[in-house]
C-alpha atoms as a PDB file:
ATOM      1  CA  MET A   1      94.524 103.950 124.242  1.00  0.00           C
ATOM      2  CA  HIS A   2      94.938 101.684 127.257  1.00  0.00           C
ATOM      3  CA  MET A   3      91.908 100.315 129.107  1.00  0.00           C
ATOM      4  CA  GLN A   4      91.623  99.375 132.750  1.00  0.00           C
ATOM      5  CA  CYS A   5      89.361  96.540 133.924  1.00  0.00           C
ATOM      6  CA  LYS A   6      86.562  98.967 134.806  1.00  0.00           C
ATOM      7  CA  ASP A   7      86.717 100.496 131.305  1.00  0.00           C
ATOM      8  CA  VAL A   8      86.561  97.057 129.695  1.00  0.00           C
ATOM      9  CA  GLU A   9      83.594  96.000 131.842  1.00  0.00           C
ATOM     10  CA  ASN A  10      81.716  99.096 130.646  1.00  0.00           C
ATOM     11  CA  LYS A  11      82.381  98.056 127.040  1.00  0.00           C
ATOM     12  CA  PHE A  12      80.982  94.500 127.214  1.00  0.00           C
ATOM     13  CA  ILE A  13      77.557  95.373 125.799  1.00  0.00           C
ATOM     14  CA  PRO A  14      78.856  97.850 123.188  1.00  0.00           C
ATOM     15  CA  PHE A  15      81.332  95.148 122.103  1.00  0.00           C
ATOM     16  CA  ILE A  16      78.641  92.485 121.907  1.00  0.00           C
ATOM     17  CA  ASP A  17      76.468  94.895 119.896  1.00  0.00           C
ATOM     18  CA  GLU A  18      79.455  95.767 117.640  1.00  0.00           C
ATOM     19  CA  GLU A  19      79.303  99.465 118.569  1.00  0.00           C
ATOM     20  CA  LEU A  20      82.980 100.102 119.409  1.00  0.00           C
ATOM     21  CA  ASP A  21      85.085 102.248 117.108  1.00  0.00           C
ATOM     22  CA  TYR A  22      88.477 100.997 115.906  1.00  0.00           C
ATOM     23  CA  LYS A  23      90.523 102.442 118.785  1.00  0.00           C
ATOM     24  CA  GLU A  24      88.104 101.230 121.468  1.00  0.00           C
ATOM     25  CA  LEU A  25      87.888  97.805 119.865  1.00  0.00           C
ATOM     26  CA  LYS A  26      91.654  97.454 119.627  1.00  0.00           C
ATOM     27  CA  ALA A  27      92.160  98.474 123.274  1.00  0.00           C
ATOM     28  CA  PHE A  28      89.287  96.224 124.395  1.00  0.00           C
ATOM     29  CA  LEU A  29      90.753  93.188 122.618  1.00  0.00           C
ATOM     30  CA  GLU A  30      94.274  93.845 123.872  1.00  0.00           C
ATOM     31  CA  HIS A  31      93.025  93.994 127.454  1.00  0.00           C
ATOM     32  CA  ILE A  32      90.608  91.061 127.288  1.00  0.00           C
ATOM     33  CA  ARG A  33      93.307  88.812 125.813  1.00  0.00           C
ATOM     34  CA  GLN A  34      95.690  89.660 128.671  1.00  0.00           C
ATOM     35  CA  CYS A  35      93.319  89.807 131.657  1.00  0.00           C
ATOM     36  CA  GLU A  36      91.868  86.451 132.639  1.00  0.00           C
ATOM     37  CA  ASN A  37      89.329  88.019 135.023  1.00  0.00           C
ATOM     38  CA  CYS A  38      87.924  90.328 132.345  1.00  0.00           C
ATOM     39  CA  TYR A  39      87.858  87.466 129.831  1.00  0.00           C
ATOM     40  CA  GLU A  40      85.871  85.266 132.208  1.00  0.00           C
ATOM     41  CA  GLU A  41      83.488  88.089 133.054  1.00  0.00           C
ATOM     42  CA  TYR A  42      83.021  88.895 129.354  1.00  0.00           C
ATOM     43  CA  ASP A  43      82.317  85.224 128.622  1.00  0.00           C
ATOM     44  CA  PHE A  44      79.681  85.187 131.377  1.00  0.00           C
ATOM     45  CA  TYR A  45      78.032  88.419 130.143  1.00  0.00           C
ATOM     46  CA  TYR A  46      78.091  87.273 126.534  1.00  0.00           C
ATOM     47  CA  THR A  47      76.507  83.940 127.407  1.00  0.00           C
ATOM     48  CA  MET A  48      73.785  85.585 129.512  1.00  0.00           C
ATOM     49  CA  ILE A  49      73.001  88.366 127.040  1.00  0.00           C
ATOM     50  CA  MET A  50      72.940  86.162 123.968  1.00  0.00           C
ATOM     51  CA  GLY A  51      70.939  83.507 125.803  1.00  0.00           C
ATOM     52  CA  MET A  52      68.333  86.084 126.857  1.00  0.00           C
ATOM     53  CA  ARG A  53      68.187  87.513 123.320  1.00  0.00           C
ATOM     54  CA  TYR A  54      67.738  84.029 121.930  1.00  0.00           C
ATOM     55  CA  LEU A  55      64.857  83.341 124.314  1.00  0.00           C
ATOM     56  CA  GLU A  56      63.251  86.750 123.673  1.00  0.00           C
ATOM     57  CA  ASN A  57      63.207  86.082 119.938  1.00  0.00           C
ATOM     58  CA  ASP A  58      61.641  82.659 120.521  1.00  0.00           C
ATOM     59  CA  ASN A  59      64.112  81.039 118.165  1.00  0.00           C
ATOM     60  CA  SER A  60      63.776  77.320 117.727  1.00  0.00           C
ATOM     61  CA  LYS A  61      66.934  76.682 115.724  1.00  0.00           C
ATOM     62  CA  ALA A  62      68.624  73.549 117.023  1.00  0.00           C
ATOM     63  CA  GLU A  63      71.952  74.720 115.588  1.00  0.00           C
ATOM     64  CA  PHE A  64      72.081  77.934 117.643  1.00  0.00           C
ATOM     65  CA  THR A  65      75.268  78.217 119.670  1.00  0.00           C
ATOM     66  CA  ILE A  66      76.537  80.847 122.057  1.00  0.00           C
ATOM     67  CA  ASP A  67      80.235  81.306 121.386  1.00  0.00           C
ATOM     68  CA  SER A  68      81.913  84.309 123.018  1.00  0.00           C
ATOM     69  CA  GLU A  69      85.318  83.310 121.647  1.00  0.00           C
ATOM     70  CA  ARG A  70      84.004  83.460 118.095  1.00  0.00           C
ATOM     71  CA  GLN A  71      83.018  87.111 118.488  1.00  0.00           C
ATOM     72  CA  LEU A  72      86.486  87.926 119.850  1.00  0.00           C
ATOM     73  CA  ASP A  73      88.104  86.112 116.910  1.00  0.00           C
ATOM     74  CA  GLU A  74      85.897  87.963 114.415  1.00  0.00           C
ATOM     75  CA  ALA A  75      86.759  91.294 116.032  1.00  0.00           C
ATOM     76  CA  GLU A  76      90.476  90.481 115.835  1.00  0.00           C
ATOM     77  CA  HIS A  77      90.029  89.578 112.164  1.00  0.00           C
ATOM     78  CA  TYR A  78      88.315  92.946 111.611  1.00  0.00           C
ATOM     79  CA  ILE A  79      91.253  94.736 113.279  1.00  0.00           C
ATOM     80  CA  LEU A  80      93.685  92.889 110.989  1.00  0.00           C
ATOM     81  CA  GLN A  81      91.653  93.752 107.879  1.00  0.00           C
ATOM     82  CA  TYR A  82      91.483  97.383 109.003  1.00  0.00           C
ATOM     83  CA  LYS A  83      95.278  97.530 109.363  1.00  0.00           C
ATOM     84  CA  ILE A  84      95.808  95.936 105.945  1.00  0.00           C
ATOM     85  CA  LEU A  85      93.360  98.328 104.287  1.00  0.00           C
ATOM     86  CA  ARG A  86      94.996 101.312 106.004  1.00  0.00           C
ATOM     87  CA  GLY A  87      98.399 100.130 104.764  1.00  0.00           C
ATOM     88  CA  GLU A  88      97.072  99.749 101.233  1.00  0.00           C
ATOM     89  CA  LYS A  89      95.661 103.279 101.347  1.00  0.00           C
ATOM     90  CA  ILE A  90      99.023 104.641 102.472  1.00  0.00           C
ATOM     91  CA  LEU A  91     100.843 102.769  99.690  1.00  0.00           C
ATOM     92  CA  LEU A  92      98.334 104.055  97.121  1.00  0.00           C
ATOM     93  CA  LEU A  93      98.808 107.623  98.366  1.00  0.00           C
ATOM     94  CA  ILE A  94     102.591 107.237  98.127  1.00  0.00           C
ATOM     95  CA  ALA A  95     102.280 105.868  94.583  1.00  0.00           C
ATOM     96  CA  ILE A  96     100.024 108.756  93.548  1.00  0.00           C
ATOM     97  CA  CYS A  97     102.406 111.313  95.046  1.00  0.00           C
ATOM     98  CA  ALA A  98     105.384 109.686  93.350  1.00  0.00           C
ATOM     99  CA  GLY A  99     103.506 109.673  90.045  1.00  0.00           C
ATOM    100  CA  LEU A 100     102.667 113.346  90.409  1.00  0.00           C
ATOM    101  CA  VAL A 101     106.298 114.192  91.167  1.00  0.00           C
ATOM    102  CA  LEU A 102     107.419 112.298  88.046  1.00  0.00           C
ATOM    103  CA  LEU A 103     104.865 114.146  85.908  1.00  0.00           C
ATOM    104  CA  LEU A 104     106.104 117.524  87.069  1.00  0.00           C
END
């Protein structure tokens, strides 16, 4: 799945709210890491949205930070974990099949 800038812009809020499925998330991250304009626009949206949410919740935590890069890094980590888990499932399936063949 390849995303154009317009597609990515429509995914800013679903990304911020962690509502993208694996394929959408992967395509979103690939695009945002390659397109400086989309990255800058995402950073702006993230800062505005999280700032407004912070103010709406009347939080008084001095340690609160708005870090759009952190969410991108966490999403990339999720993608990596997903790939590792998928690989482990495939290896387990292969081992089970091989075991069944040996039993027959």
